[in-house]
Amino acid sequence: MRIIGLTGGIASGKSTVSERLAALGAAIVDTDAIAHQLAMPGQPLWQRYRDHFGPAILQADQTLDRAAIARRVFAHPEERRWLDAAAHPLILAECRRQLAYWQAQACPVAVLDVPLLFEAGWDTMADVIWVVAVQPELQLERLMQRNSLSRQAASARVASQLSLEEKCARADLVLDNNGTLEELRCQVDRAWRCLIEKQEG
């Protein structure tokens, strides 16, 4: 089984690429989805957040107030470090479990979809690295619109990640998402065909 490590800056269009790869037949191991599941009420990550931040971080239905957590984490670097230390081992264990499952199913390609692939050091789990790239101004606009953030808050989130230049320099393939959705899909389709041809060859 070949593993594609898929990453990119926040609001770069990574989810669009992941969805296209799923449609083409890849198994998707999505760390955002895993983190979301682990943070549901009563789950291990939810418990760690509650113990660390206190019950004030919970909403009326006992789910986490994700916006409040995000504000704290992006405003205080030490909270970001705590969150990474608390969450990464749990998420990594589930990633490995899912990859082992798809390996056992003889799935030809799995996508390890990780926003912080390099930052977490998980790029070593992948056979090839694909990075979704977008111009900084377009990235900011998309993030502000998607998350209803001010320019300052959006800029802080972008700055908290490894630079796009560094990610592209470490990639096997860079997908340019400055154009249309159709142009991005065409790039993904071409890259997929090349990957499958190499695998079969």
Protein backbone atom coordinates (compact mmCIF):
# COMPACT_ATOMS: atom_id res chain seq x y z
CA MET A 1 0.00 0.00 0.00
CA ARG A 2 1.32 3.43 -0.94
CA ILE A 3 0.71 6.23 1.56
CA ILE A 4 0.27 9.81 0.36
CA GLY A 5 1.03 12.37 3.05
CA LEU A 6 -1.35 15.22 2.19
CA THR A 7 -0.85 18.63 3.76
CA GLY A 8 -0.96 22.36 3.10
CA GLY A 9 -1.56 25.62 4.87
CA ILE A 10 -4.84 26.31 6.63
CA ALA A 11 -7.63 27.09 4.11
CA SER A 12 -5.42 25.97 1.22
CA GLY A 13 -7.97 23.57 -0.27
CA LYS A 14 -6.60 20.36 1.23
CA SER A 15 -10.08 18.99 1.95
CA THR A 16 -11.05 19.42 -1.72
CA VAL A 17 -8.00 17.37 -2.76
CA SER A 18 -8.78 14.71 -0.15
CA GLU A 19 -12.37 14.42 -1.37
CA ARG A 20 -11.18 14.00 -4.96
CA LEU A 21 -8.69 11.31 -3.96
CA ALA A 22 -11.46 9.47 -2.12
CA ALA A 23 -13.59 9.59 -5.28
CA LEU A 24 -10.66 8.13 -7.23
CA GLY A 25 -10.44 5.18 -4.85
CA ALA A 26 -8.02 6.15 -2.10
CA ALA A 27 -8.66 5.34 1.55
CA ILE A 28 -8.63 8.54 3.61
CA VAL A 29 -7.16 8.75 7.10
CA ASP A 30 -8.26 12.24 8.17
CA THR A 31 -6.62 13.52 11.35
CA ASP A 32 -9.10 16.39 11.70
CA ALA A 33 -11.97 13.88 11.70
CA ILE A 34 -10.09 11.65 14.16
CA ALA A 35 -9.42 14.61 16.48
CA HIS A 36 -13.10 15.60 16.28
CA GLN A 37 -14.21 12.08 17.23
CA LEU A 38 -11.73 11.84 20.11
CA ALA A 39 -12.99 15.19 21.44
CA MET A 40 -16.66 14.14 21.65
CA PRO A 41 -18.14 14.07 25.19
CA GLY A 42 -16.66 11.28 27.27
CA GLN A 43 -13.89 10.48 24.78
CA PRO A 44 -10.19 10.63 25.81
CA LEU A 45 -9.32 13.99 24.27
CA TRP A 46 -12.52 15.59 25.60
CA GLN A 47 -11.51 14.45 29.09
CA ARG A 48 -8.03 15.93 28.74
CA TYR A 49 -9.43 19.27 27.56
CA ARG A 50 -11.92 19.37 30.42
CA ASP A 51 -9.27 18.53 33.01
CA HIS A 52 -6.91 21.18 31.64
CA PHE A 53 -9.25 24.08 30.81
CA GLY A 54 -12.00 23.37 33.36
CA PRO A 55 -15.77 22.95 32.89
CA ALA A 56 -16.10 26.52 31.58
CA ILE A 57 -14.77 25.23 28.24
CA LEU A 58 -17.91 23.08 27.82
CA GLN A 59 -21.09 24.21 26.14
CA ALA A 60 -24.59 23.51 27.49
CA ASP A 61 -24.73 20.16 25.66
CA GLN A 62 -21.34 19.20 27.16
CA THR A 63 -19.54 19.46 23.81
CA LEU A 64 -16.31 21.45 23.72
CA ASP A 65 -16.45 25.16 22.91
CA ARG A 66 -13.98 24.80 20.04
CA ALA A 67 -13.92 28.51 19.23
CA ALA A 68 -12.96 29.37 22.82
CA ILE A 69 -10.22 26.73 22.82
CA ALA A 70 -8.88 28.03 19.49
CA ARG A 71 -8.75 31.60 20.84
CA ARG A 72 -6.72 30.48 23.84
CA VAL A 73 -4.40 28.24 21.86
CA PHE A 74 -3.57 30.83 19.22
CA ALA A 75 -3.10 33.58 21.83
CA HIS A 76 -0.83 31.58 24.15
CA PRO A 77 2.03 29.50 22.70
CA GLU A 78 2.32 27.43 25.89
CA GLU A 79 -1.31 26.32 25.46
CA ARG A 80 -0.53 25.28 21.90
CA ARG A 81 2.35 23.16 23.16
CA TRP A 82 0.13 21.58 25.81
CA LEU A 83 -2.59 20.80 23.25
CA ASP A 84 -0.11 19.18 20.85
CA ALA A 85 1.35 17.05 23.64
CA ALA A 86 -2.12 15.99 24.78
CA ALA A 87 -3.66 15.33 21.37
CA HIS A 88 -0.91 14.02 19.10
CA PRO A 89 -0.28 10.63 20.77
CA LEU A 90 -4.01 9.81 20.75
CA ILE A 91 -4.47 10.88 17.14
CA LEU A 92 -1.30 9.09 16.02
CA ALA A 93 -2.43 5.81 17.59
CA GLU A 94 -5.75 5.99 15.73
CA CYS A 95 -3.97 6.91 12.46
CA ARG A 96 -1.79 3.84 12.76
CA ARG A 97 -4.80 1.65 13.55
CA GLN A 98 -6.64 2.90 10.45
CA LEU A 99 -3.60 2.52 8.19
CA ALA A 100 -3.12 -1.04 9.43
CA TYR A 101 -6.78 -1.74 8.67
CA TRP A 102 -6.49 -0.48 5.08
CA GLN A 103 -3.24 -2.39 4.65
CA ALA A 104 -5.03 -5.57 5.70
CA GLN A 105 -7.79 -4.81 3.18
CA ALA A 106 -5.12 -4.69 0.43
CA CYS A 107 -6.05 -1.10 -0.36
CA PRO A 108 -3.60 0.20 -3.03
CA VAL A 109 -3.40 3.82 -1.81
CA ALA A 110 -4.14 5.50 1.53
CA VAL A 111 -4.07 9.24 2.12
CA LEU A 112 -2.76 10.49 5.45
CA ASP A 113 -4.53 13.86 5.58
CA VAL A 114 -2.68 15.95 8.19
CA PRO A 115 -2.67 19.78 8.39
CA LEU A 116 0.48 19.69 10.56
CA LEU A 117 2.19 16.77 8.80
CA PHE A 118 5.70 18.28 9.01
CA GLU A 119 5.20 20.07 12.32
CA ALA A 120 4.15 16.81 14.00
CA GLY A 121 6.94 14.84 12.33
CA TRP A 122 4.48 12.43 10.72
CA ASP A 123 5.82 12.92 7.19
CA THR A 124 8.04 9.89 7.86
CA MET A 125 4.91 7.70 7.73
CA ALA A 126 4.26 8.59 4.08
CA ASP A 127 5.81 7.28 0.87
CA VAL A 128 5.17 10.54 -0.99
CA ILE A 129 4.25 14.04 0.20
CA TRP A 130 1.68 16.19 -1.61
CA VAL A 131 1.32 19.83 -0.60
CA VAL A 132 -1.64 22.03 -1.58
CA ALA A 133 -0.37 25.57 -2.18
CA VAL A 134 -2.22 28.87 -2.42
CA GLN A 135 -1.10 32.50 -2.53
CA PRO A 136 -0.96 34.09 0.96
CA GLU A 137 -3.57 36.79 0.25
CA LEU A 138 -6.02 34.27 -1.16
CA GLN A 139 -5.39 31.99 1.79
CA LEU A 140 -6.17 34.80 4.23
CA GLU A 141 -9.36 35.74 2.39
CA ARG A 142 -10.59 32.14 2.37
CA LEU A 143 -9.76 31.66 6.04
CA MET A 144 -11.45 34.91 7.09
CA GLN A 145 -14.57 33.95 5.18
CA ARG A 146 -14.64 30.28 6.20
CA ASN A 147 -14.06 30.83 9.93
CA SER A 148 -15.54 34.35 10.28
CA LEU A 149 -12.19 35.70 11.50
CA SER A 150 -10.65 39.15 11.50
CA ARG A 151 -7.55 39.66 9.34
CA GLN A 152 -5.41 39.75 12.50
CA ALA A 153 -6.83 36.48 13.84
CA ALA A 154 -6.51 34.78 10.46
CA SER A 155 -2.90 35.97 10.10
CA ALA A 156 -2.08 34.56 13.56
CA ARG A 157 -3.38 31.15 12.56
CA VAL A 158 -1.39 31.14 9.33
CA ALA A 159 1.74 32.25 11.21
CA SER A 160 1.37 29.38 13.71
CA GLN A 161 2.10 26.86 10.94
CA LEU A 162 5.28 26.03 9.06
CA SER A 163 5.70 28.40 6.11
CA LEU A 164 4.31 27.36 2.75
CA GLU A 165 7.77 27.78 1.23
CA GLU A 166 9.19 25.23 3.66
CA LYS A 167 6.33 22.80 3.01
CA CYS A 168 6.71 23.09 -0.76
CA ALA A 169 10.48 22.59 -0.49
CA ARG A 170 9.88 19.29 1.33
CA ALA A 171 7.10 18.06 -0.98
CA ASP A 172 7.30 15.45 -3.73
CA LEU A 173 4.40 17.19 -5.46
CA VAL A 174 2.92 20.69 -5.14
CA LEU A 175 -0.72 21.17 -6.15
CA ASP A 176 -1.43 24.79 -7.17
CA ASN A 177 -4.82 25.91 -5.86
CA ASN A 178 -4.74 29.51 -7.06
CA GLY A 179 -7.03 28.74 -9.99
CA THR A 180 -10.43 27.14 -10.40
CA LEU A 181 -11.79 24.05 -8.70
CA GLU A 182 -11.70 22.21 -12.04
CA GLU A 183 -8.03 23.08 -12.53
CA LEU A 184 -7.22 21.67 -9.10
CA ARG A 185 -9.13 18.47 -9.82
CA CYS A 186 -7.26 18.02 -13.10
CA GLN A 187 -3.93 18.28 -11.25
CA VAL A 188 -5.08 15.68 -8.71
CA ASP A 189 -6.29 13.33 -11.46
CA ARG A 190 -2.94 13.58 -13.30
CA ALA A 191 -0.96 12.98 -10.13
CA TRP A 192 -3.17 10.01 -9.25
CA ARG A 193 -2.67 8.42 -12.67
CA CYS A 194 1.12 8.83 -12.36
CA LEU A 195 1.10 7.27 -8.89
CA ILE A 196 -0.97 4.26 -9.99
CA GLU A 197 1.15 3.76 -13.12
CA LYS A 198 4.34 3.71 -11.03
CA GLN A 199 2.75 1.31 -8.57
CA GLU A 200 1.63 -1.06 -11.33
CA GLY A 201 4.93 -0.74 -13.17
